[in-house]
């Protein structure tokens, strides 16, 4: 196993009722050994109270993928898009030369979502947007494929495996456990844990207790 980051070792930011657990250095948190992994520069586990979130703010030269786990998240942006993301929805934004967007939870419901930021392969792209409604809740399925993002050699698999599964044989792979218990490369993983694999690390995911997971594979 190349590296494990346990749930309790994520950086924690709390502000205005929001709770964000960061895998990598972010904002006021800095650790030179945790600056990113492959194309991934941020992996944030967000929990927001009803009617809160992030008012309009800019992004550029990032690929942003959001997976809503619970609640409802309203997205608006400078491209004229507006809509509510529900549990299972996966939103893809190539910010390219720049966008302004807002992410606010709907009234009356606490919302949890995972958001990943990736470096694009090249700068200066035209911003683009994609949305998949209702991510799979069974075995792992690919919801982001090579070519869907400005990071061409990136794949995202989501699901709730109930039996052992072979993860992609990618040069770099990140597994995040949303819930449940698993074993990978001899290490037991629980809710909130991340495993970061390189090279020849074993890729058989054993299911000890089923739960949803997210798998990013890079270089394939």
Protein backbone atom coordinates (compact mmCIF):
# COMPACT_ATOMS: atom_id res chain seq x y z
CA UNK A 1 0.00 0.00 0.00
CA UNK A 2 1.54 3.29 -1.08
CA UNK A 3 -0.32 5.51 1.41
CA UNK A 4 -3.40 5.59 3.64
CA UNK A 5 -4.97 8.75 5.04
CA UNK A 6 -7.39 7.92 7.82
CA UNK A 7 -10.60 9.88 8.32
CA UNK A 8 -9.25 11.40 11.52
CA UNK A 9 -6.12 12.65 9.76
CA UNK A 10 -7.95 14.76 7.21
CA UNK A 11 -7.59 18.50 7.66
CA UNK A 12 -10.77 20.05 9.10
CA UNK A 13 -12.20 23.47 8.26
CA UNK A 14 -15.28 24.69 10.12
CA UNK A 15 -16.96 28.01 9.29
CA UNK A 16 -20.53 29.31 9.40
CA UNK A 17 -21.83 25.85 10.22
CA UNK A 18 -19.96 24.26 7.31
CA UNK A 19 -17.65 21.31 7.95
CA UNK A 20 -15.06 20.40 5.32
CA UNK A 21 -12.59 17.54 5.60
CA UNK A 22 -9.65 17.93 3.21
CA UNK A 23 -7.43 15.11 1.98
CA UNK A 24 -4.75 17.55 0.79
CA UNK A 25 -3.34 20.91 1.87
CA UNK A 26 -6.08 23.49 1.43
CA UNK A 27 -6.64 27.06 2.61
CA UNK A 28 -5.07 27.53 6.02
CA UNK A 29 -3.93 23.89 6.12
CA UNK A 30 -0.50 23.08 4.76
CA UNK A 31 1.57 19.90 4.78
CA UNK A 32 4.33 19.64 2.14
CA UNK A 33 3.82 15.87 2.01
CA UNK A 34 0.13 16.28 1.11
CA UNK A 35 -0.04 18.62 -1.87
CA UNK A 36 -1.89 16.33 -4.26
CA UNK A 37 -1.87 12.98 -6.00
CA UNK A 38 -1.49 12.46 -9.75
CA UNK A 39 -3.77 15.15 -11.29
CA UNK A 40 -5.77 15.54 -8.05
CA UNK A 41 -5.13 18.75 -6.10
CA UNK A 42 -8.17 18.74 -3.79
CA UNK A 43 -10.53 16.10 -2.41
CA UNK A 44 -13.03 17.67 -0.02
CA UNK A 45 -15.76 15.98 2.00
CA UNK A 46 -18.33 18.73 2.62
CA UNK A 47 -21.21 18.81 5.11
CA UNK A 48 -23.38 21.94 4.94
CA UNK A 49 -26.41 22.96 7.02
CA UNK A 50 -29.64 23.95 5.23
CA UNK A 51 -29.52 27.20 3.30
CA UNK A 52 -25.76 27.64 3.53
CA UNK A 53 -22.81 27.12 1.25
CA UNK A 54 -20.56 29.11 -1.02
CA UNK A 55 -21.85 32.34 -2.62
CA UNK A 56 -20.56 33.41 -6.03
CA UNK A 57 -16.82 32.85 -6.40
CA UNK A 58 -14.47 32.38 -9.37
CA UNK A 59 -12.49 29.37 -10.59
CA UNK A 60 -10.18 28.86 -13.55
CA UNK A 61 -7.94 26.12 -14.90
CA UNK A 62 -9.52 23.40 -12.77
CA UNK A 63 -11.63 20.33 -13.46
CA UNK A 64 -14.26 20.15 -10.67
CA UNK A 65 -16.29 16.99 -10.05
CA UNK A 66 -19.05 17.01 -7.41
CA UNK A 67 -20.88 13.91 -6.14
CA UNK A 68 -23.87 14.60 -3.89
CA UNK A 69 -24.33 12.01 -1.15
CA UNK A 70 -27.28 13.43 0.82
CA UNK A 71 -29.52 16.48 0.73
CA UNK A 72 -29.83 18.95 -2.14
CA UNK A 73 -27.28 21.41 -3.54
CA UNK A 74 -28.25 24.31 -5.80
CA UNK A 75 -25.66 25.23 -8.43
CA UNK A 76 -25.69 28.46 -10.45
CA UNK A 77 -22.93 29.76 -12.69
CA UNK A 78 -21.90 32.50 -15.10
CA UNK A 79 -22.79 30.26 -18.04
CA UNK A 80 -26.47 30.70 -17.18
CA UNK A 81 -26.93 27.26 -15.64
CA UNK A 82 -29.05 26.77 -12.54
CA UNK A 83 -30.27 23.56 -11.00
CA UNK A 84 -30.45 21.39 -7.91
CA UNK A 85 -28.15 18.40 -7.48
CA UNK A 86 -29.72 15.48 -5.62
CA UNK A 87 -28.21 12.37 -4.01
CA UNK A 88 -26.32 10.32 -6.59
CA UNK A 89 -25.91 13.19 -9.05
CA UNK A 90 -22.41 13.78 -10.46
CA UNK A 91 -21.59 17.21 -11.87
CA UNK A 92 -18.51 17.90 -14.03
CA UNK A 93 -17.19 21.40 -14.66
CA UNK A 94 -14.16 22.28 -16.77
CA UNK A 95 -13.54 25.82 -15.56
CA UNK A 96 -11.02 26.56 -18.32
CA UNK A 97 -10.47 30.26 -18.87
CA UNK A 98 -12.78 31.05 -15.97
CA UNK A 99 -16.26 30.77 -14.48
CA UNK A 100 -18.11 32.25 -11.52
CA UNK A 101 -20.44 29.90 -9.65
CA UNK A 102 -22.31 29.45 -6.40
CA UNK A 103 -23.16 26.32 -4.40
CA UNK A 104 -25.93 26.70 -1.81
CA UNK A 105 -27.86 23.97 -0.02
CA UNK A 106 -31.63 23.93 -0.27
CA UNK A 107 -33.66 25.05 2.79
CA UNK A 108 -34.62 22.41 5.32
CA UNK A 109 -32.03 19.77 4.47
CA UNK A 110 -28.43 19.15 5.52
CA UNK A 111 -26.29 18.27 2.52
CA UNK A 112 -23.13 16.21 2.13
CA UNK A 113 -21.10 16.05 -1.05
CA UNK A 114 -17.63 15.09 -2.25
CA UNK A 115 -15.80 17.54 -4.47
CA UNK A 116 -12.59 16.75 -6.35
CA UNK A 117 -10.37 19.27 -8.13
CA UNK A 118 -8.05 18.09 -10.90
CA UNK A 119 -5.37 19.86 -12.91
CA UNK A 120 -6.25 20.05 -16.62
CA UNK A 121 -3.81 18.76 -19.22
CA UNK A 122 -3.57 22.19 -20.84
CA UNK A 123 -4.57 25.76 -20.04
CA UNK A 124 -6.91 28.04 -21.95
CA UNK A 125 -9.79 25.66 -22.63
CA UNK A 126 -13.34 26.90 -23.14
CA UNK A 127 -15.40 26.20 -19.98
CA UNK A 128 -17.77 23.22 -20.23
CA UNK A 129 -20.31 21.41 -18.07
CA UNK A 130 -21.77 17.93 -17.67
CA UNK A 131 -24.27 16.29 -15.33
CA UNK A 132 -25.14 12.64 -14.70
CA UNK A 133 -28.30 12.07 -12.69
CA UNK A 134 -28.31 9.25 -10.15
CA UNK A 135 -24.94 7.56 -9.79
CA UNK A 136 -25.06 3.75 -9.57
CA UNK A 137 -25.82 2.26 -6.16
CA UNK A 138 -24.71 -1.29 -6.99
CA UNK A 139 -21.36 -2.54 -8.27
CA UNK A 140 -18.72 -0.04 -9.36
CA UNK A 141 -19.60 1.77 -12.57
CA UNK A 142 -17.67 4.38 -14.53
CA UNK A 143 -19.30 7.82 -14.34
CA UNK A 144 -16.37 9.90 -15.62
CA UNK A 145 -14.50 8.52 -18.62
CA UNK A 146 -11.31 9.62 -20.39
CA UNK A 147 -12.27 12.62 -22.52
CA UNK A 148 -15.11 13.82 -20.26
CA UNK A 149 -12.75 16.30 -18.60
CA UNK A 150 -9.79 18.47 -19.51
CA UNK A 151 -7.78 15.86 -17.61
CA UNK A 152 -7.99 13.29 -20.38
CA UNK A 153 -6.52 10.25 -18.64
CA UNK A 154 -8.80 10.26 -15.61
CA UNK A 155 -11.65 7.91 -14.72
CA UNK A 156 -14.11 7.96 -11.82
CA UNK A 157 -15.95 4.85 -10.67
CA UNK A 158 -18.74 4.96 -8.09
CA UNK A 159 -20.88 2.31 -6.48
CA UNK A 160 -21.64 0.12 -3.50
CA UNK A 161 -19.82 -3.16 -4.13
CA UNK A 162 -21.21 -6.17 -2.30
CA UNK A 163 -18.48 -8.61 -3.33
CA UNK A 164 -14.77 -8.44 -4.07
CA UNK A 165 -13.88 -6.28 -7.05
CA UNK A 166 -10.77 -5.70 -9.13
CA UNK A 167 -9.94 -2.00 -9.26
CA UNK A 168 -8.44 -0.50 -12.43
CA UNK A 169 -4.81 -1.36 -13.10
CA UNK A 170 -3.88 2.31 -13.33
CA UNK A 171 -0.47 3.87 -12.60
CA UNK A 172 -2.14 5.96 -9.86
CA UNK A 173 -5.39 5.16 -8.06
CA UNK A 174 -7.32 6.80 -5.20
CA UNK A 175 -10.05 4.99 -3.25
CA UNK A 176 -12.34 6.87 -0.84
CA UNK A 177 -14.68 5.00 1.50
CA UNK A 178 -17.93 6.89 2.07
CA UNK A 179 -19.31 4.19 4.35
CA UNK A 180 -18.79 0.50 5.08
CA UNK A 181 -15.58 -1.47 5.65
CA UNK A 182 -13.15 -2.81 3.08
CA UNK A 183 -9.71 -4.39 2.76
CA UNK A 184 -7.23 -3.32 0.09
CA UNK A 185 -3.61 -4.45 -0.22
CA UNK A 186 -3.79 -5.93 3.27
CA UNK A 187 -5.08 -2.75 4.92
CA UNK A 188 -8.54 -2.38 6.47
CA UNK A 189 -10.41 0.78 5.46
CA UNK A 190 -13.46 2.37 7.07
CA UNK A 191 -15.70 5.38 6.48
CA UNK A 192 -13.71 8.50 5.61
CA UNK A 193 -10.46 6.66 4.83
CA UNK A 194 -8.50 7.18 1.62
CA UNK A 195 -6.05 4.77 -0.01
CA UNK A 196 -3.58 6.10 -2.59
CA UNK A 197 -1.95 3.43 -4.74
CA UNK A 198 0.91 3.54 -7.21
CA UNK A 199 2.64 1.05 -9.46
CA UNK A 200 2.21 -2.59 -8.54
CA UNK A 201 0.10 -2.26 -5.38
CA UNK A 202 -2.55 -5.04 -5.28
CA UNK A 203 -5.90 -3.93 -6.69
CA UNK A 204 -8.36 -6.44 -5.23
CA UNK A 205 -10.95 -4.67 -3.07
CA UNK A 206 -12.41 -7.03 -0.45
CA UNK A 207 -15.81 -6.15 1.00
CA UNK A 208 -16.08 -6.55 4.77
CA UNK A 209 -19.24 -4.46 5.09
CA UNK A 210 -20.89 -2.99 1.96
CA UNK A 211 -20.97 0.76 1.54
CA UNK A 212 -20.48 3.38 -1.17
CA UNK A 213 -16.97 4.12 -2.46
CA UNK A 214 -15.39 6.43 -5.02
CA UNK A 215 -12.41 5.35 -7.13
CA UNK A 216 -10.29 7.75 -9.20
CA UNK A 217 -7.90 6.11 -11.68
CA UNK A 218 -5.22 8.18 -13.40
CA UNK A 219 -3.05 7.42 -16.41
CA UNK A 220 -5.41 5.01 -18.17
